[in-house]
PDB file of all heavy atoms in Angstrom:
ATOM      1  N   GLN A   1       0.596 -10.814   1.416  1.00  0.00           N
ATOM      2  CA  GLN A   1       0.436  -9.374   1.603  1.00  0.00           C
ATOM      3  C   GLN A   1       0.784  -8.968   3.029  1.00  0.00           C
ATOM      4  O   GLN A   1       0.477  -9.679   3.978  1.00  0.00           O
ATOM      5  CB  GLN A   1      -1.000  -8.935   1.298  1.00  0.00           C
ATOM      6  CG  GLN A   1      -1.417  -9.137  -0.126  1.00  0.00           C
ATOM      7  CD  GLN A   1      -0.495  -8.425  -1.105  1.00  0.00           C
ATOM      8  OE1 GLN A   1      -0.265  -7.226  -0.998  1.00  0.00           O
ATOM      9  NE2 GLN A   1       0.039  -9.169  -2.045  1.00  0.00           N
ATOM     10  N   THR A   2       1.397  -7.811   3.146  1.00  0.00           N
ATOM     11  CA  THR A   2       1.671  -7.247   4.458  1.00  0.00           C
ATOM     12  C   THR A   2       0.325  -6.987   5.148  1.00  0.00           C
ATOM     13  O   THR A   2      -0.579  -6.432   4.549  1.00  0.00           O
ATOM     14  CB  THR A   2       2.440  -5.921   4.320  1.00  0.00           C
ATOM     15  OG1 THR A   2       3.644  -6.176   3.604  1.00  0.00           O
ATOM     16  CG2 THR A   2       2.753  -5.319   5.670  1.00  0.00           C
ATOM     17  N   GLY A   3       0.233  -7.428   6.371  1.00  0.00           N
ATOM     18  CA  GLY A   3      -1.002  -7.202   7.114  1.00  0.00           C
ATOM     19  C   GLY A   3      -1.937  -8.392   7.127  1.00  0.00           C
ATOM     20  O   GLY A   3      -2.865  -8.440   7.922  1.00  0.00           O
ATOM     21  N   CYS A   4      -1.711  -9.370   6.258  1.00  0.00           N
ATOM     22  CA  CYS A   4      -2.526 -10.594   6.271  1.00  0.00           C
ATOM     23  C   CYS A   4      -1.892 -11.562   7.262  1.00  0.00           C
ATOM     24  O   CYS A   4      -0.750 -11.991   7.082  1.00  0.00           O
ATOM     25  CB  CYS A   4      -2.598 -11.225   4.885  1.00  0.00           C
ATOM     26  SG  CYS A   4      -3.582 -12.740   4.863  1.00  0.00           S
ATOM     27  N   LEU A   5      -2.626 -11.895   8.300  1.00  0.00           N
ATOM     28  CA  LEU A   5      -2.104 -12.783   9.335  1.00  0.00           C
ATOM     29  C   LEU A   5      -2.339 -14.253   9.008  1.00  0.00           C
ATOM     30  O   LEU A   5      -1.489 -15.097   9.280  1.00  0.00           O
ATOM     31  CB  LEU A   5      -2.752 -12.446  10.682  1.00  0.00           C
ATOM     32  CG  LEU A   5      -2.519 -11.020  11.176  1.00  0.00           C
ATOM     33  CD1 LEU A   5      -3.368 -10.730  12.401  1.00  0.00           C
ATOM     34  CD2 LEU A   5      -1.043 -10.782  11.455  1.00  0.00           C
ATOM     35  N   HIS A   6      -3.506 -14.545   8.410  1.00  0.00           N
ATOM     36  CA  HIS A   6      -3.835 -15.945   8.112  1.00  0.00           C
ATOM     37  C   HIS A   6      -5.107 -16.000   7.274  1.00  0.00           C
ATOM     38  O   HIS A   6      -5.974 -15.134   7.408  1.00  0.00           O
ATOM     39  CB  HIS A   6      -4.049 -16.722   9.416  1.00  0.00           C
ATOM     40  CG  HIS A   6      -4.261 -18.188   9.228  1.00  0.00           C
ATOM     41  ND1 HIS A   6      -3.253 -19.038   8.827  1.00  0.00           N
ATOM     42  CD2 HIS A   6      -5.362 -18.950   9.364  1.00  0.00           C
ATOM     43  CE1 HIS A   6      -3.743 -20.263   8.742  1.00  0.00           C
ATOM     44  NE2 HIS A   6      -5.021 -20.241   9.063  1.00  0.00           N
ATOM     45  N   ILE A   7      -5.192 -17.014   6.434  1.00  0.00           N
ATOM     46  CA  ILE A   7      -6.433 -17.274   5.691  1.00  0.00           C
ATOM     47  C   ILE A   7      -6.699 -18.776   5.778  1.00  0.00           C
ATOM     48  O   ILE A   7      -5.801 -19.584   5.594  1.00  0.00           O
ATOM     49  CB  ILE A   7      -6.337 -16.843   4.216  1.00  0.00           C
ATOM     50  CG1 ILE A   7      -6.153 -15.332   4.126  1.00  0.00           C
ATOM     51  CG2 ILE A   7      -7.580 -17.267   3.446  1.00  0.00           C
ATOM     52  CD1 ILE A   7      -6.074 -14.781   2.720  1.00  0.00           C
ATOM     53  N   ALA A   8      -7.938 -19.113   6.081  1.00  0.00           N
ATOM     54  CA  ALA A   8      -8.352 -20.515   6.151  1.00  0.00           C
ATOM     55  C   ALA A   8      -9.652 -20.665   5.376  1.00  0.00           C
ATOM     56  O   ALA A   8     -10.456 -19.739   5.310  1.00  0.00           O
ATOM     57  CB  ALA A   8      -8.560 -20.941   7.601  1.00  0.00           C
ATOM     58  N   VAL A   9      -9.836 -21.840   4.780  1.00  0.00           N
ATOM     59  CA  VAL A   9     -11.059 -22.083   4.009  1.00  0.00           C
ATOM     60  C   VAL A   9     -11.649 -23.423   4.438  1.00  0.00           C
ATOM     61  O   VAL A   9     -10.920 -24.367   4.733  1.00  0.00           O
ATOM     62  CB  VAL A   9     -10.785 -22.037   2.484  1.00  0.00           C
ATOM     63  CG1 VAL A   9      -9.883 -23.171   2.049  1.00  0.00           C
ATOM     64  CG2 VAL A   9     -12.070 -22.037   1.689  1.00  0.00           C
ATOM     65  N   GLN A  10     -12.967 -23.466   4.489  1.00  0.00           N
ATOM     66  CA  GLN A  10     -13.706 -24.703   4.788  1.00  0.00           C
ATOM     67  C   GLN A  10     -14.720 -24.931   3.686  1.00  0.00           C
ATOM     68  O   GLN A  10     -15.329 -23.976   3.199  1.00  0.00           O
ATOM     69  CB  GLN A  10     -14.510 -24.576   6.083  1.00  0.00           C
ATOM     70  CG  GLN A  10     -13.747 -24.666   7.335  1.00  0.00           C
ATOM     71  CD  GLN A  10     -14.704 -24.647   8.521  1.00  0.00           C
ATOM     72  OE1 GLN A  10     -15.655 -23.883   8.538  1.00  0.00           O
ATOM     73  NE2 GLN A  10     -14.444 -25.481   9.496  1.00  0.00           N
ATOM     74  N   ARG A  11     -14.876 -26.184   3.317  1.00  0.00           N
ATOM     75  CA  ARG A  11     -15.967 -26.530   2.417  1.00  0.00           C
ATOM     76  C   ARG A  11     -16.944 -27.369   3.228  1.00  0.00           C
ATOM     77  O   ARG A  11     -16.560 -28.335   3.885  1.00  0.00           O
ATOM     78  CB  ARG A  11     -15.479 -27.335   1.213  1.00  0.00           C
ATOM     79  CG  ARG A  11     -16.642 -27.708   0.317  1.00  0.00           C
ATOM     80  CD  ARG A  11     -16.227 -28.366  -0.945  1.00  0.00           C
ATOM     81  NE  ARG A  11     -17.421 -28.686  -1.719  1.00  0.00           N
ATOM     82  CZ  ARG A  11     -17.450 -29.582  -2.664  1.00  0.00           C
ATOM     83  NH1 ARG A  11     -16.354 -30.229  -2.987  1.00  0.00           N
ATOM     84  NH2 ARG A  11     -18.563 -29.824  -3.305  1.00  0.00           N
ATOM     85  N   LEU A  12     -18.197 -26.983   3.176  1.00  0.00           N
ATOM     86  CA  LEU A  12     -19.204 -27.723   3.931  1.00  0.00           C
ATOM     87  C   LEU A  12     -19.487 -29.044   3.215  1.00  0.00           C
ATOM     88  O   LEU A  12     -19.652 -29.074   1.993  1.00  0.00           O
ATOM     89  CB  LEU A  12     -20.474 -26.895   4.082  1.00  0.00           C
ATOM     90  CG  LEU A  12     -20.269 -25.569   4.820  1.00  0.00           C
ATOM     91  CD1 LEU A  12     -21.567 -24.798   4.903  1.00  0.00           C
ATOM     92  CD2 LEU A  12     -19.709 -25.799   6.203  1.00  0.00           C
ATOM     93  N   ALA A  13     -19.528 -30.111   3.981  1.00  0.00           N
ATOM     94  CA  ALA A  13     -19.719 -31.455   3.436  1.00  0.00           C
ATOM     95  C   ALA A  13     -21.013 -31.545   2.636  1.00  0.00           C
ATOM     96  O   ALA A  13     -22.043 -30.988   3.017  1.00  0.00           O
ATOM     97  CB  ALA A  13     -19.730 -32.480   4.564  1.00  0.00           C
ATOM     98  N   ASN A  14     -20.940 -32.215   1.523  1.00  0.00           N
ATOM     99  CA  ASN A  14     -22.083 -32.464   0.640  1.00  0.00           C
ATOM    100  C   ASN A  14     -22.727 -31.201   0.083  1.00  0.00           C
ATOM    101  O   ASN A  14     -23.876 -31.221  -0.326  1.00  0.00           O
ATOM    102  CB  ASN A  14     -23.153 -33.308   1.356  1.00  0.00           C
ATOM    103  CG  ASN A  14     -22.590 -34.624   1.852  1.00  0.00           C
ATOM    104  OD1 ASN A  14     -21.779 -35.252   1.176  1.00  0.00           O
ATOM    105  ND2 ASN A  14     -23.000 -35.035   3.028  1.00  0.00           N
ATOM    106  N   GLU A  15     -22.005 -30.091   0.104  1.00  0.00           N
ATOM    107  CA  GLU A  15     -22.512 -28.835  -0.448  1.00  0.00           C
ATOM    108  C   GLU A  15     -21.391 -28.191  -1.246  1.00  0.00           C
ATOM    109  O   GLU A  15     -20.222 -28.478  -1.039  1.00  0.00           O
ATOM    110  CB  GLU A  15     -22.919 -27.862   0.660  1.00  0.00           C
ATOM    111  CG  GLU A  15     -24.105 -28.300   1.473  1.00  0.00           C
ATOM    112  CD  GLU A  15     -24.472 -27.245   2.514  1.00  0.00           C
ATOM    113  OE1 GLU A  15     -24.463 -26.054   2.173  1.00  0.00           O
ATOM    114  OE2 GLU A  15     -24.748 -27.634   3.654  1.00  0.00           O
ATOM    115  N   SER A  16     -21.754 -27.314  -2.129  1.00  0.00           N
ATOM    116  CA  SER A  16     -20.724 -26.538  -2.812  1.00  0.00           C
ATOM    117  C   SER A  16     -20.697 -25.139  -2.196  1.00  0.00           C
ATOM    118  O   SER A  16     -20.773 -24.136  -2.870  1.00  0.00           O
ATOM    119  CB  SER A  16     -20.979 -26.499  -4.318  1.00  0.00           C
ATOM    120  OG  SER A  16     -22.269 -26.028  -4.595  1.00  0.00           O
ATOM    121  N   ARG A  17     -20.610 -25.130  -0.874  1.00  0.00           N
ATOM    122  CA  ARG A  17     -20.559 -23.878  -0.119  1.00  0.00           C
ATOM    123  C   ARG A  17     -19.243 -23.821   0.647  1.00  0.00           C
ATOM    124  O   ARG A  17     -18.842 -24.792   1.285  1.00  0.00           O
ATOM    125  CB  ARG A  17     -21.727 -23.780   0.851  1.00  0.00           C
ATOM    126  CG  ARG A  17     -21.909 -22.370   1.380  1.00  0.00           C
ATOM    127  CD  ARG A  17     -23.210 -22.232   2.070  1.00  0.00           C
ATOM    128  NE  ARG A  17     -23.087 -22.867   3.385  1.00  0.00           N
ATOM    129  CZ  ARG A  17     -23.834 -22.556   4.422  1.00  0.00           C
ATOM    130  NH1 ARG A  17     -24.784 -21.682   4.300  1.00  0.00           N
ATOM    131  NH2 ARG A  17     -23.668 -23.149   5.576  1.00  0.00           N
ATOM    132  N   PHE A  18     -18.599 -22.680   0.547  1.00  0.00           N
ATOM    133  CA  PHE A  18     -17.306 -22.478   1.173  1.00  0.00           C
ATOM    134  C   PHE A  18     -17.408 -21.344   2.178  1.00  0.00           C
ATOM    135  O   PHE A  18     -18.154 -20.391   1.980  1.00  0.00           O
ATOM    136  CB  PHE A  18     -16.251 -22.099   0.120  1.00  0.00           C
ATOM    137  CG  PHE A  18     -15.953 -23.207  -0.849  1.00  0.00           C
ATOM    138  CD1 PHE A  18     -16.815 -23.492  -1.900  1.00  0.00           C
ATOM    139  CD2 PHE A  18     -14.799 -23.960  -0.723  1.00  0.00           C
ATOM    140  CE1 PHE A  18     -16.539 -24.504  -2.804  1.00  0.00           C
ATOM    141  CE2 PHE A  18     -14.509 -24.974  -1.626  1.00  0.00           C
ATOM    142  CZ  PHE A  18     -15.385 -25.245  -2.670  1.00  0.00           C
ATOM    143  N   ILE A  19     -16.628 -21.468   3.241  1.00  0.00           N
ATOM    144  CA  ILE A  19     -16.502 -20.389   4.202  1.00  0.00           C
ATOM    145  C   ILE A  19     -15.025 -20.041   4.267  1.00  0.00           C
ATOM    146  O   ILE A  19     -14.179 -20.897   4.523  1.00  0.00           O
ATOM    147  CB  ILE A  19     -17.034 -20.784   5.593  1.00  0.00           C
ATOM    148  CG1 ILE A  19     -18.511 -21.174   5.499  1.00  0.00           C
ATOM    149  CG2 ILE A  19     -16.842 -19.629   6.578  1.00  0.00           C
ATOM    150  CD1 ILE A  19     -19.105 -21.669   6.801  1.00  0.00           C
ATOM    151  N   LEU A  20     -14.740 -18.783   4.007  1.00  0.00           N
ATOM    152  CA  LEU A  20     -13.375 -18.280   3.978  1.00  0.00           C
ATOM    153  C   LEU A  20     -13.178 -17.389   5.198  1.00  0.00           C
ATOM    154  O   LEU A  20     -13.982 -16.491   5.449  1.00  0.00           O
ATOM    155  CB  LEU A  20     -13.189 -17.482   2.682  1.00  0.00           C
ATOM    156  CG  LEU A  20     -11.817 -16.995   2.303  1.00  0.00           C
ATOM    157  CD1 LEU A  20     -10.863 -18.167   2.105  1.00  0.00           C
ATOM    158  CD2 LEU A  20     -11.909 -16.195   1.008  1.00  0.00           C
ATOM    159  N   TYR A  21     -12.154 -17.673   5.976  1.00  0.00           N
ATOM    160  CA  TYR A  21     -11.816 -16.870   7.155  1.00  0.00           C
ATOM    161  C   TYR A  21     -10.514 -16.134   6.871  1.00  0.00           C
ATOM    162  O   TYR A  21      -9.511 -16.763   6.553  1.00  0.00           O
ATOM    163  CB  TYR A  21     -11.643 -17.744   8.401  1.00  0.00           C
ATOM    164  CG  TYR A  21     -12.885 -18.492   8.782  1.00  0.00           C
ATOM    165  CD1 TYR A  21     -13.091 -19.804   8.358  1.00  0.00           C
ATOM    166  CD2 TYR A  21     -13.864 -17.889   9.569  1.00  0.00           C
ATOM    167  CE1 TYR A  21     -14.239 -20.500   8.706  1.00  0.00           C
ATOM    168  CE2 TYR A  21     -15.017 -18.576   9.914  1.00  0.00           C
ATOM    169  CZ  TYR A  21     -15.193 -19.884   9.484  1.00  0.00           C
ATOM    170  OH  TYR A  21     -16.324 -20.568   9.831  1.00  0.00           O
ATOM    171  N   GLU A  22     -10.548 -14.820   6.982  1.00  0.00           N
ATOM    172  CA  GLU A  22      -9.361 -14.007   6.745  1.00  0.00           C
ATOM    173  C   GLU A  22      -9.056 -13.222   8.014  1.00  0.00           C
ATOM    174  O   GLU A  22      -9.941 -12.615   8.596  1.00  0.00           O
ATOM    175  CB  GLU A  22      -9.588 -13.043   5.583  1.00  0.00           C
ATOM    176  CG  GLU A  22      -9.920 -13.744   4.283  1.00  0.00           C
ATOM    177  CD  GLU A  22     -10.143 -12.774   3.135  1.00  0.00           C
ATOM    178  OE1 GLU A  22      -9.486 -11.702   3.119  1.00  0.00           O
ATOM    179  OE2 GLU A  22     -10.964 -13.077   2.268  1.00  0.00           O
ATOM    180  N   PHE A  23      -7.803 -13.243   8.412  1.00  0.00           N
ATOM    181  CA  PHE A  23      -7.354 -12.531   9.607  1.00  0.00           C
ATOM    182  C   PHE A  23      -6.397 -11.425   9.153  1.00  0.00           C
ATOM    183  O   PHE A  23      -5.365 -11.710   8.542  1.00  0.00           O
ATOM    184  CB  PHE A  23      -6.636 -13.488  10.563  1.00  0.00           C
ATOM    185  CG  PHE A  23      -7.517 -14.590  11.076  1.00  0.00           C
ATOM    186  CD1 PHE A  23      -7.817 -15.698  10.300  1.00  0.00           C
ATOM    187  CD2 PHE A  23      -8.063 -14.506  12.351  1.00  0.00           C
ATOM    188  CE1 PHE A  23      -8.638 -16.716  10.779  1.00  0.00           C
ATOM    189  CE2 PHE A  23      -8.885 -15.518  12.827  1.00  0.00           C
ATOM    190  CZ  PHE A  23      -9.174 -16.618  12.037  1.00  0.00           C
ATOM    191  N   TRP A  24      -6.767 -10.177   9.453  1.00  0.00           N
ATOM    192  CA  TRP A  24      -5.998  -9.005   9.020  1.00  0.00           C
ATOM    193  C   TRP A  24      -5.556  -8.200  10.217  1.00  0.00           C
ATOM    194  O   TRP A  24      -6.259  -8.140  11.226  1.00  0.00           O
ATOM    195  CB  TRP A  24      -6.847  -8.145   8.075  1.00  0.00           C
ATOM    196  CG  TRP A  24      -7.168  -8.864   6.807  1.00  0.00           C
ATOM    197  CD1 TRP A  24      -8.268  -9.633   6.551  1.00  0.00           C
ATOM    198  CD2 TRP A  24      -6.365  -8.931   5.636  1.00  0.00           C
ATOM    199  NE1 TRP A  24      -8.194 -10.166   5.282  1.00  0.00           N
ATOM    200  CE2 TRP A  24      -7.037  -9.748   4.692  1.00  0.00           C
ATOM    201  CE3 TRP A  24      -5.141  -8.368   5.275  1.00  0.00           C
ATOM    202  CZ2 TRP A  24      -6.520 -10.015   3.431  1.00  0.00           C
ATOM    203  CZ3 TRP A  24      -4.625  -8.635   4.015  1.00  0.00           C
ATOM    204  CH2 TRP A  24      -5.316  -9.453   3.108  1.00  0.00           C
ATOM    205  N   GLU A  25      -4.392  -7.535  10.093  1.00  0.00           N
ATOM    206  CA  GLU A  25      -3.837  -6.755  11.206  1.00  0.00           C
ATOM    207  C   GLU A  25      -4.800  -5.694  11.709  1.00  0.00           C
ATOM    208  O   GLU A  25      -4.863  -5.444  12.906  1.00  0.00           O
ATOM    209  CB  GLU A  25      -2.511  -6.107  10.806  1.00  0.00           C
ATOM    210  CG  GLU A  25      -1.366  -7.071  10.846  1.00  0.00           C
ATOM    211  CD  GLU A  25      -0.033  -6.404  10.535  1.00  0.00           C
ATOM    212  OE1 GLU A  25       0.001  -5.179  10.270  1.00  0.00           O
ATOM    213  OE2 GLU A  25       0.961  -7.122  10.556  1.00  0.00           O
ATOM    214  N   HIS A  26      -5.523  -5.053  10.814  1.00  0.00           N
ATOM    215  CA  HIS A  26      -6.541  -4.087  11.216  1.00  0.00           C
ATOM    216  C   HIS A  26      -7.419  -3.759  10.012  1.00  0.00           C
ATOM    217  O   HIS A  26      -7.150  -4.190   8.883  1.00  0.00           O
ATOM    218  CB  HIS A  26      -5.962  -2.821  11.863  1.00  0.00           C
ATOM    219  CG  HIS A  26      -4.860  -2.176  11.100  1.00  0.00           C
ATOM    220  ND1 HIS A  26      -5.073  -1.320  10.063  1.00  0.00           N
ATOM    221  CD2 HIS A  26      -3.521  -2.290  11.233  1.00  0.00           C
ATOM    222  CE1 HIS A  26      -3.916  -0.916   9.582  1.00  0.00           C
ATOM    223  NE2 HIS A  26      -2.954  -1.496  10.269  1.00  0.00           N
ATOM    224  N   ASN A  27      -8.464  -3.020  10.256  1.00  0.00           N
ATOM    225  CA  ASN A  27      -9.490  -2.720   9.266  1.00  0.00           C
ATOM    226  C   ASN A  27      -8.937  -2.033   8.015  1.00  0.00           C
ATOM    227  O   ASN A  27      -9.312  -2.364   6.891  1.00  0.00           O
ATOM    228  CB  ASN A  27     -10.581  -1.860   9.919  1.00  0.00           C
ATOM    229  CG  ASN A  27     -11.870  -1.882   9.156  1.00  0.00           C
ATOM    230  OD1 ASN A  27     -12.228  -2.876   8.524  1.00  0.00           O
ATOM    231  ND2 ASN A  27     -12.587  -0.783   9.212  1.00  0.00           N
ATOM    232  N   ASN A  28      -8.035  -1.070   8.194  1.00  0.00           N
ATOM    233  CA  ASN A  28      -7.498  -0.333   7.043  1.00  0.00           C
ATOM    234  C   ASN A  28      -6.695  -1.228   6.112  1.00  0.00           C
ATOM    235  O   ASN A  28      -6.729  -1.049   4.894  1.00  0.00           O
ATOM    236  CB  ASN A  28      -6.642   0.848   7.509  1.00  0.00           C
ATOM    237  CG  ASN A  28      -7.491   1.926   8.144  1.00  0.00           C
ATOM    238  OD1 ASN A  28      -8.687   2.026   7.894  1.00  0.00           O
ATOM    239  ND2 ASN A  28      -6.867   2.731   8.999  1.00  0.00           N
ATOM    240  N   VAL A  29      -5.961  -2.177   6.672  1.00  0.00           N
ATOM    241  CA  VAL A  29      -5.193  -3.111   5.837  1.00  0.00           C
ATOM    242  C   VAL A  29      -6.142  -3.913   4.955  1.00  0.00           C
ATOM    243  O   VAL A  29      -5.895  -4.118   3.766  1.00  0.00           O
ATOM    244  CB  VAL A  29      -4.329  -4.050   6.716  1.00  0.00           C
ATOM    245  CG1 VAL A  29      -3.673  -5.132   5.890  1.00  0.00           C
ATOM    246  CG2 VAL A  29      -3.286  -3.265   7.474  1.00  0.00           C
ATOM    247  N   TRP A  30      -7.261  -4.363   5.543  1.00  0.00           N
ATOM    248  CA  TRP A  30      -8.231  -5.143   4.777  1.00  0.00           C
ATOM    249  C   TRP A  30      -8.877  -4.292   3.687  1.00  0.00           C
ATOM    250  O   TRP A  30      -9.045  -4.738   2.554  1.00  0.00           O
ATOM    251  CB  TRP A  30      -9.291  -5.733   5.698  1.00  0.00           C
ATOM    252  CG  TRP A  30     -10.305  -6.559   4.983  1.00  0.00           C
ATOM    253  CD1 TRP A  30     -10.083  -7.721   4.289  1.00  0.00           C
ATOM    254  CD2 TRP A  30     -11.702  -6.302   4.879  1.00  0.00           C
ATOM    255  NE1 TRP A  30     -11.262  -8.200   3.775  1.00  0.00           N
ATOM    256  CE2 TRP A  30     -12.276  -7.343   4.128  1.00  0.00           C
ATOM    257  CE3 TRP A  30     -12.532  -5.307   5.362  1.00  0.00           C
ATOM    258  CZ2 TRP A  30     -13.625  -7.408   3.834  1.00  0.00           C
ATOM    259  CZ3 TRP A  30     -13.874  -5.381   5.079  1.00  0.00           C
ATOM    260  CH2 TRP A  30     -14.403  -6.415   4.325  1.00  0.00           C
ATOM    261  N   LYS A  31      -9.218  -3.064   4.017  1.00  0.00           N
ATOM    262  CA  LYS A  31      -9.817  -2.171   3.018  1.00  0.00           C
ATOM    263  C   LYS A  31      -8.854  -1.937   1.855  1.00  0.00           C
ATOM    264  O   LYS A  31      -9.269  -1.929   0.692  1.00  0.00           O
ATOM    265  CB  LYS A  31     -10.229  -0.844   3.651  1.00  0.00           C
ATOM    266  CG  LYS A  31     -11.472  -0.963   4.509  1.00  0.00           C
ATOM    267  CD  LYS A  31     -11.826   0.371   5.136  1.00  0.00           C
ATOM    268  CE  LYS A  31     -13.066   0.237   5.999  1.00  0.00           C
ATOM    269  NZ  LYS A  31     -13.406   1.490   6.678  1.00  0.00           N
ATOM    270  N   ASN A  32      -7.567  -1.762   2.155  1.00  0.00           N
ATOM    271  CA  ASN A  32      -6.569  -1.617   1.093  1.00  0.00           C
ATOM    272  C   ASN A  32      -6.459  -2.887   0.266  1.00  0.00           C
ATOM    273  O   ASN A  32      -6.318  -2.835  -0.956  1.00  0.00           O
ATOM    274  CB  ASN A  32      -5.199  -1.248   1.680  1.00  0.00           C
ATOM    275  CG  ASN A  32      -5.177   0.149   2.248  1.00  0.00           C
ATOM    276  OD1 ASN A  32      -5.993   1.001   1.890  1.00  0.00           O
ATOM    277  ND2 ASN A  32      -4.254   0.385   3.167  1.00  0.00           N
ATOM    278  N   HIS A  33      -6.533  -4.013   0.927  1.00  0.00           N
ATOM    279  CA  HIS A  33      -6.479  -5.310   0.241  1.00  0.00           C
ATOM    280  C   HIS A  33      -7.627  -5.440  -0.764  1.00  0.00           C
ATOM    281  O   HIS A  33      -7.434  -5.952  -1.869  1.00  0.00           O
ATOM    282  CB  HIS A  33      -6.534  -6.426   1.286  1.00  0.00           C
ATOM    283  CG  HIS A  33      -7.189  -7.677   0.843  1.00  0.00           C
ATOM    284  ND1 HIS A  33      -6.574  -8.574  -0.005  1.00  0.00           N
ATOM    285  CD2 HIS A  33      -8.413  -8.186   1.097  1.00  0.00           C
ATOM    286  CE1 HIS A  33      -7.409  -9.584  -0.241  1.00  0.00           C
ATOM    287  NE2 HIS A  33      -8.519  -9.364   0.418  1.00  0.00           N
ATOM    288  N   LEU A  34      -8.803  -4.952  -0.404  1.00  0.00           N
ATOM    289  CA  LEU A  34      -9.956  -5.045  -1.306  1.00  0.00           C
ATOM    290  C   LEU A  34      -9.741  -4.266  -2.603  1.00  0.00           C
ATOM    291  O   LEU A  34     -10.389  -4.565  -3.614  1.00  0.00           O
ATOM    292  CB  LEU A  34     -11.222  -4.538  -0.609  1.00  0.00           C
ATOM    293  CG  LEU A  34     -11.745  -5.398   0.532  1.00  0.00           C
ATOM    294  CD1 LEU A  34     -12.940  -4.722   1.201  1.00  0.00           C
ATOM    295  CD2 LEU A  34     -12.112  -6.790   0.051  1.00  0.00           C
ATOM    296  N   GLN A  35      -8.832  -3.310  -2.593  1.00  0.00           N
ATOM    297  CA  GLN A  35      -8.566  -2.493  -3.785  1.00  0.00           C
ATOM    298  C   GLN A  35      -7.473  -3.076  -4.679  1.00  0.00           C
ATOM    299  O   GLN A  35      -7.204  -2.552  -5.753  1.00  0.00           O
ATOM    300  CB  GLN A  35      -8.175  -1.073  -3.366  1.00  0.00           C
ATOM    301  CG  GLN A  35      -9.255  -0.364  -2.572  1.00  0.00           C
ATOM    302  CD  GLN A  35     -10.609  -0.373  -3.277  1.00  0.00           C
ATOM    303  OE1 GLN A  35     -10.703  -0.059  -4.449  1.00  0.00           O
ATOM    304  NE2 GLN A  35     -11.656  -0.753  -2.549  1.00  0.00           N
ATOM    305  N   THR A  36      -6.857  -4.185  -4.265  1.00  0.00           N
ATOM    306  CA  THR A  36      -5.791  -4.783  -5.072  1.00  0.00           C
ATOM    307  C   THR A  36      -6.384  -5.486  -6.292  1.00  0.00           C
ATOM    308  O   THR A  36      -7.558  -5.877  -6.302  1.00  0.00           O
ATOM    309  CB  THR A  36      -4.979  -5.807  -4.252  1.00  0.00           C
ATOM    310  OG1 THR A  36      -5.857  -6.858  -3.829  1.00  0.00           O
ATOM    311  CG2 THR A  36      -4.299  -5.147  -3.057  1.00  0.00           C
ATOM    312  N   ASN A  37      -5.555  -5.650  -7.315  1.00  0.00           N
ATOM    313  CA  ASN A  37      -6.011  -6.289  -8.552  1.00  0.00           C
ATOM    314  C   ASN A  37      -6.470  -7.725  -8.326  1.00  0.00           C
ATOM    315  O   ASN A  37      -7.491  -8.144  -8.863  1.00  0.00           O
ATOM    316  CB  ASN A  37      -4.907  -6.249  -9.618  1.00  0.00           C
ATOM    317  CG  ASN A  37      -4.716  -4.854 -10.158  1.00  0.00           C
ATOM    318  OD1 ASN A  37      -5.630  -4.025 -10.132  1.00  0.00           O
ATOM    319  ND2 ASN A  37      -3.517  -4.569 -10.645  1.00  0.00           N
ATOM    320  N   TYR A  38      -5.711  -8.501  -7.541  1.00  0.00           N
ATOM    321  CA  TYR A  38      -6.091  -9.901  -7.333  1.00  0.00           C
ATOM    322  C   TYR A  38      -7.409 -10.022  -6.580  1.00  0.00           C
ATOM    323  O   TYR A  38      -8.218 -10.910  -6.851  1.00  0.00           O
ATOM    324  CB  TYR A  38      -4.970 -10.691  -6.645  1.00  0.00           C
ATOM    325  CG  TYR A  38      -4.742 -10.304  -5.205  1.00  0.00           C
ATOM    326  CD1 TYR A  38      -5.458 -10.915  -4.175  1.00  0.00           C
ATOM    327  CD2 TYR A  38      -3.809  -9.337  -4.855  1.00  0.00           C
ATOM    328  CE1 TYR A  38      -5.262 -10.560  -2.857  1.00  0.00           C
ATOM    329  CE2 TYR A  38      -3.599  -8.984  -3.539  1.00  0.00           C
ATOM    330  CZ  TYR A  38      -4.331  -9.601  -2.552  1.00  0.00           C
ATOM    331  OH  TYR A  38      -4.135  -9.249  -1.238  1.00  0.00           O
ATOM    332  N   SER A  39      -7.665  -9.100  -5.634  1.00  0.00           N
ATOM    333  CA  SER A  39      -8.928  -9.128  -4.898  1.00  0.00           C
ATOM    334  C   SER A  39     -10.095  -8.769  -5.815  1.00  0.00           C
ATOM    335  O   SER A  39     -11.146  -9.420  -5.797  1.00  0.00           O
ATOM    336  CB  SER A  39      -8.876  -8.167  -3.713  1.00  0.00           C
ATOM    337  OG  SER A  39     -10.101  -8.189  -3.014  1.00  0.00           O
ATOM    338  N   LYS A  40      -9.898  -7.742  -6.638  1.00  0.00           N
ATOM    339  CA  LYS A  40     -10.954  -7.341  -7.577  1.00  0.00           C
ATOM    340  C   LYS A  40     -11.221  -8.440  -8.597  1.00  0.00           C
ATOM    341  O   LYS A  40     -12.375  -8.682  -8.964  1.00  0.00           O
ATOM    342  CB  LYS A  40     -10.576  -6.037  -8.272  1.00  0.00           C
ATOM    343  CG  LYS A  40     -10.642  -4.838  -7.362  1.00  0.00           C
ATOM    344  CD  LYS A  40     -10.256  -3.578  -8.100  1.00  0.00           C
ATOM    345  CE  LYS A  40     -10.341  -2.363  -7.209  1.00  0.00           C
ATOM    346  NZ  LYS A  40      -9.985  -1.127  -7.919  1.00  0.00           N
TER     347      LYS A  40
END
């Protein structure tokens, strides 16, 4: 997607917990991203 700079994911050892880091050009781009079909 335009405006997505990078996405990284970590899984914590011995847990089924994930931390997702998303880097977006600015707040409005991310808000628009949240309205996309794949995000929903």
